PDB file of N, CA and C in Angstrom:
ATOM      1  N   MET A   1       7.135  11.518  22.704  1.00  0.00           N
ATOM      2  CA  MET A   1       6.893  12.737  22.221  1.00  0.00           C
ATOM      3  C   MET A   1       7.661  13.783  22.934  1.00  0.00           C
ATOM      4  N   LYS A   2       7.590  13.810  24.413  1.00  0.00           N
ATOM      5  CA  LYS A   2       8.380  14.524  25.242  1.00  0.00           C
ATOM      6  C   LYS A   2       9.663  14.488  24.957  1.00  0.00           C
ATOM      7  N   ALA A   3      10.230  13.464  24.533  1.00  0.00           N
ATOM      8  CA  ALA A   3      11.748  13.235  24.258  1.00  0.00           C
ATOM      9  C   ALA A   3      11.906  14.267  23.022  1.00  0.00           C
ATOM     10  N   VAL A   4      11.260  13.973  22.155  1.00  0.00           N
ATOM     11  CA  VAL A   4      11.638  14.806  21.076  1.00  0.00           C
ATOM     12  C   VAL A   4      11.285  16.110  21.331  1.00  0.00           C
ATOM     13  N   TYR A   5      10.168  16.546  21.795  1.00  0.00           N
ATOM     14  CA  TYR A   5       9.930  18.130  22.375  1.00  0.00           C
ATOM     15  C   TYR A   5      11.284  18.435  23.126  1.00  0.00           C
ATOM     16  N   THR A   6      11.454  17.892  23.920  1.00  0.00           N
ATOM     17  CA  THR A   6      12.697  18.314  24.989  1.00  0.00           C
ATOM     18  C   THR A   6      14.066  18.271  23.882  1.00  0.00           C
ATOM     19  N   GLU A   7      14.383  17.199  23.166  1.00  0.00           N
ATOM     20  CA  GLU A   7      15.501  17.400  22.506  1.00  0.00           C
ATOM     21  C   GLU A   7      15.480  18.551  21.335  1.00  0.00           C
ATOM     22  N   GLN A   8      14.443  19.002  20.810  1.00  0.00           N
ATOM     23  CA  GLN A   8      14.374  19.922  19.914  1.00  0.00           C
ATOM     24  C   GLN A   8      14.734  21.619  20.694  1.00  0.00           C
ATOM     25  N   HIS A   9      14.208  21.592  22.035  1.00  0.00           N
ATOM     26  CA  HIS A   9      14.470  22.726  22.581  1.00  0.00           C
ATOM     27  C   HIS A   9      15.817  22.760  23.064  1.00  0.00           C
ATOM     28  N   ARG A  10      16.706  21.744  22.976  1.00  0.00           N
ATOM     29  CA  ARG A  10      17.988  21.467  23.352  1.00  0.00           C
ATOM     30  C   ARG A  10      18.662  22.121  22.151  1.00  0.00           C
ATOM     31  N   SER A  11      18.189  21.611  21.115  1.00  0.00           N
ATOM     32  CA  SER A  11      19.273  21.669  19.692  1.00  0.00           C
ATOM     33  C   SER A  11      18.729  23.006  19.191  1.00  0.00           C
ATOM     34  N   HIS A  12      17.442  23.587  18.874  1.00  0.00           N
ATOM     35  CA  HIS A  12      17.320  24.871  18.748  1.00  0.00           C
ATOM     36  C   HIS A  12      17.487  24.797  16.986  1.00  0.00           C
ATOM     37  N   ASP A  13      17.484  23.589  16.361  1.00  0.00           N
ATOM     38  CA  ASP A  13      17.781  23.223  14.958  1.00  0.00           C
ATOM     39  C   ASP A  13      16.165  23.658  14.344  1.00  0.00           C
ATOM     40  N   PRO A  14      15.967  24.300  13.566  1.00  0.00           N
ATOM     41  CA  PRO A  14      14.772  24.464  12.653  1.00  0.00           C
ATOM     42  C   PRO A  14      14.448  23.375  11.807  1.00  0.00           C
ATOM     43  N   GLN A  15      15.216  22.575  11.433  1.00  0.00           N
ATOM     44  CA  GLN A  15      15.115  21.433  10.510  1.00  0.00           C
ATOM     45  C   GLN A  15      14.789  20.111  11.443  1.00  0.00           C
ATOM     46  N   PHE A  16      14.874  20.214  12.929  1.00  0.00           N
ATOM     47  CA  PHE A  16      14.923  19.085  13.700  1.00  0.00           C
ATOM     48  C   PHE A  16      13.313  18.301  13.415  1.00  0.00           C
ATOM     49  N   PHE A  17      12.244  18.908  13.326  1.00  0.00           N
ATOM     50  CA  PHE A  17      10.962  18.642  13.266  1.00  0.00           C
ATOM     51  C   PHE A  17      11.005  17.769  11.837  1.00  0.00           C
ATOM     52  N   LEU A  18      11.394  18.778  10.782  1.00  0.00           N
ATOM     53  CA  LEU A  18      11.348  18.613   9.415  1.00  0.00           C
ATOM     54  C   LEU A  18      11.823  17.294   8.952  1.00  0.00           C
ATOM     55  N   VAL A  19      12.883  16.719   9.469  1.00  0.00           N
ATOM     56  CA  VAL A  19      13.400  15.669   8.854  1.00  0.00           C
ATOM     57  C   VAL A  19      12.877  14.379   9.573  1.00  0.00           C
ATOM     58  N   ARG A  20      12.236  14.752  10.471  1.00  0.00           N
ATOM     59  CA  ARG A  20      11.276  13.853  11.388  1.00  0.00           C
ATOM     60  C   ARG A  20       9.800  13.289  10.807  1.00  0.00           C
ATOM     61  N   GLY A  21       9.724  14.450   9.674  1.00  0.00           N
ATOM     62  CA  GLY A  21       8.052  14.289   8.930  1.00  0.00           C
ATOM     63  C   GLY A  21       7.320  14.956   9.535  1.00  0.00           C
ATOM     64  N   PHE A  22       7.521  15.766  10.588  1.00  0.00           N
ATOM     65  CA  PHE A  22       6.766  17.081  11.258  1.00  0.00           C
ATOM     66  C   PHE A  22       6.880  18.348  10.339  1.00  0.00           C
ATOM     67  N   ASP A  23       5.853  19.080  10.416  1.00  0.00           N
ATOM     68  CA  ASP A  23       5.520  20.323   9.530  1.00  0.00           C
ATOM     69  C   ASP A  23       5.325  21.498  10.642  1.00  0.00           C
ATOM     70  N   PRO A  24       6.235  22.007  11.349  1.00  0.00           N
ATOM     71  CA  PRO A  24       5.709  22.870  12.513  1.00  0.00           C
ATOM     72  C   PRO A  24       5.413  24.187  12.107  1.00  0.00           C
ATOM     73  N   VAL A  25       4.327  24.504  12.918  1.00  0.00           N
ATOM     74  CA  VAL A  25       3.819  25.673  12.439  1.00  0.00           C
ATOM     75  C   VAL A  25       3.527  26.653  13.768  1.00  0.00           C
ATOM     76  N   GLY A  26       3.174  27.812  13.778  1.00  0.00           N
ATOM     77  CA  GLY A  26       3.229  28.688  15.049  1.00  0.00           C
ATOM     78  C   GLY A  26       1.431  28.814  15.196  1.00  0.00           C
ATOM     79  N   ASP A  27       0.773  28.002  15.221  1.00  0.00           N
ATOM     80  CA  ASP A  27      -0.535  27.783  15.401  1.00  0.00           C
ATOM     81  C   ASP A  27      -0.817  28.029  16.907  1.00  0.00           C
ATOM     82  N   THR A  28      -2.380  28.335  17.358  1.00  0.00           N
ATOM     83  CA  THR A  28      -2.867  28.281  18.781  1.00  0.00           C
ATOM     84  C   THR A  28      -2.988  27.017  19.254  1.00  0.00           C
ATOM     85  N   SER A  29      -3.015  26.817  20.509  1.00  0.00           N
ATOM     86  CA  SER A  29      -3.251  25.061  20.975  1.00  0.00           C
ATOM     87  C   SER A  29      -4.538  24.795  20.420  1.00  0.00           C
ATOM     88  N   GLU A  30      -5.490  25.741  19.935  1.00  0.00           N
ATOM     89  CA  GLU A  30      -6.909  25.332  19.649  1.00  0.00           C
ATOM     90  C   GLU A  30      -6.771  24.726  18.165  1.00  0.00           C
ATOM     91  N   GLN A  31      -5.820  25.510  17.391  1.00  0.00           N
ATOM     92  CA  GLN A  31      -5.739  25.209  15.911  1.00  0.00           C
ATOM     93  C   GLN A  31      -4.972  23.755  16.055  1.00  0.00           C
ATOM     94  N   ALA A  32      -4.122  23.580  16.819  1.00  0.00           N
ATOM     95  CA  ALA A  32      -3.255  22.208  17.005  1.00  0.00           C
ATOM     96  C   ALA A  32      -4.085  21.235  17.426  1.00  0.00           C
ATOM     97  N   ALA A  33      -5.182  21.335  18.471  1.00  0.00           N
ATOM     98  CA  ALA A  33      -6.057  20.436  18.698  1.00  0.00           C
ATOM     99  C   ALA A  33      -6.783  19.970  17.539  1.00  0.00           C
ATOM    100  N   SER A  34      -7.168  20.808  16.661  1.00  0.00           N
ATOM    101  CA  SER A  34      -8.082  20.708  15.536  1.00  0.00           C
ATOM    102  C   SER A  34      -7.296  19.761  14.607  1.00  0.00           C
ATOM    103  N   VAL A  35      -5.901  19.685  14.418  1.00  0.00           N
ATOM    104  CA  VAL A  35      -5.663  19.437  13.421  1.00  0.00           C
ATOM    105  C   VAL A  35      -5.368  17.940  13.908  1.00  0.00           C
ATOM    106  N   PHE A  36      -4.901  17.735  15.236  1.00  0.00           N
ATOM    107  CA  PHE A  36      -4.643  16.367  15.859  1.00  0.00           C
ATOM    108  C   PHE A  36      -6.037  15.719  15.743  1.00  0.00           C
ATOM    109  N   ARG A  37      -7.291  16.442  15.725  1.00  0.00           N
ATOM    110  CA  ARG A  37      -8.721  15.528  15.587  1.00  0.00           C
ATOM    111  C   ARG A  37      -8.905  15.284  14.150  1.00  0.00           C
ATOM    112  N   ARG A  38      -8.306  15.995  13.207  1.00  0.00           N
ATOM    113  CA  ARG A  38      -8.674  15.821  11.833  1.00  0.00           C
ATOM    114  C   ARG A  38      -7.891  14.554  11.492  1.00  0.00           C
ATOM    115  N   ASP A  39      -6.339  14.825  11.788  1.00  0.00           N
ATOM    116  CA  ASP A  39      -5.427  13.402  11.641  1.00  0.00           C
ATOM    117  C   ASP A  39      -5.991  12.435  12.254  1.00  0.00           C
ATOM    118  N   TYR A  40      -6.365  12.316  13.149  1.00  0.00           N
ATOM    119  CA  TYR A  40      -6.639  10.804  14.176  1.00  0.00           C
ATOM    120  C   TYR A  40      -7.968  10.383  13.442  1.00  0.00           C
ATOM    121  N   GLU A  41      -9.014  11.271  13.132  1.00  0.00           N
ATOM    122  CA  GLU A  41     -10.149  10.616  12.190  1.00  0.00           C
ATOM    123  C   GLU A  41      -9.670  10.016  10.928  1.00  0.00           C
ATOM    124  N   ARG A  42      -8.805  11.021  10.321  1.00  0.00           N
ATOM    125  CA  ARG A  42      -8.310  10.282   8.727  1.00  0.00           C
ATOM    126  C   ARG A  42      -7.698   9.281   9.004  1.00  0.00           C
ATOM    127  N   PHE A  43      -6.503   9.123   9.547  1.00  0.00           N
ATOM    128  CA  PHE A  43      -5.876   7.969   9.652  1.00  0.00           C
ATOM    129  C   PHE A  43      -6.146   7.188  10.595  1.00  0.00           C
ATOM    130  N   GLY A  44      -6.955   7.150  11.591  1.00  0.00           N
ATOM    131  CA  GLY A  44      -7.582   6.120  12.299  1.00  0.00           C
ATOM    132  C   GLY A  44      -8.575   5.250  11.498  1.00  0.00           C
ATOM    133  N   THR A  45      -9.362   5.676  10.592  1.00  0.00           N
ATOM    134  CA  THR A  45     -10.221   5.162   9.659  1.00  0.00           C
ATOM    135  C   THR A  45      -9.201   4.076   8.866  1.00  0.00           C
ATOM    136  N   VAL A  46      -8.210   4.666   8.241  1.00  0.00           N
ATOM    137  CA  VAL A  46      -7.234   3.527   7.276  1.00  0.00           C
ATOM    138  C   VAL A  46      -6.699   2.382   8.416  1.00  0.00           C
ATOM    139  N   ILE A  47      -6.130   3.052   9.239  1.00  0.00           N
ATOM    140  CA  ILE A  47      -5.297   1.923  10.620  1.00  0.00           C
ATOM    141  C   ILE A  47      -6.641   1.242  10.631  1.00  0.00           C
ATOM    142  N   ARG A  48      -7.612   1.440  10.982  1.00  0.00           N
ATOM    143  CA  ARG A  48      -8.967   0.503  11.227  1.00  0.00           C
ATOM    144  C   ARG A  48      -9.210  -0.593  10.310  1.00  0.00           C
ATOM    145  N   GLU A  49      -9.287  -0.071   8.964  1.00  0.00           N
ATOM    146  CA  GLU A  49      -9.814  -0.806   7.769  1.00  0.00           C
ATOM    147  C   GLU A  49      -8.707  -1.778   7.580  1.00  0.00           C
ATOM    148  N   LEU A  50      -7.356  -1.626   7.536  1.00  0.00           N
ATOM    149  CA  LEU A  50      -6.316  -2.077   7.458  1.00  0.00           C
ATOM    150  C   LEU A  50      -5.986  -3.179   8.427  1.00  0.00           C
ATOM    151  N   LYS A  51      -6.624  -2.891   9.589  1.00  0.00           N
ATOM    152  CA  LYS A  51      -6.363  -3.712  10.814  1.00  0.00           C
ATOM    153  C   LYS A  51      -4.938  -3.712  11.187  1.00  0.00           C
ATOM    154  N   LEU A  52      -4.229  -2.588  11.166  1.00  0.00           N
ATOM    155  CA  LEU A  52      -2.662  -2.471  11.437  1.00  0.00           C
ATOM    156  C   LEU A  52      -2.735  -2.453  13.251  1.00  0.00           C
ATOM    157  N   LYS A  53      -1.433  -3.074  13.551  1.00  0.00           N
ATOM    158  CA  LYS A  53      -1.433  -2.848  15.295  1.00  0.00           C
ATOM    159  C   LYS A  53      -0.059  -2.395  15.377  1.00  0.00           C
ATOM    160  N   ALA A  54      -0.030  -1.398  16.384  1.00  0.00           N
ATOM    161  CA  ALA A  54       1.524  -1.225  16.706  1.00  0.00           C
ATOM    162  C   ALA A  54       2.259  -2.250  17.024  1.00  0.00           C
ATOM    163  N   GLU A  55       3.634  -2.157  16.962  1.00  0.00           N
ATOM    164  CA  GLU A  55       4.853  -3.217  17.618  1.00  0.00           C
ATOM    165  C   GLU A  55       5.141  -2.951  18.571  1.00  0.00           C
TER     166      GLU A  55
END
């Protein structure tokens, strides 16, 4: 993620995150943490149920 963040700041291209499946918004860090927790819970359940593993 650090590499993605660094590259985005070098390019200053507003489409950088969008073409990679991200939806950048101007939230506070607390709001971002809430989104991460929600996504972790939602996708974590699916990943565990399907017994998916990172390669």
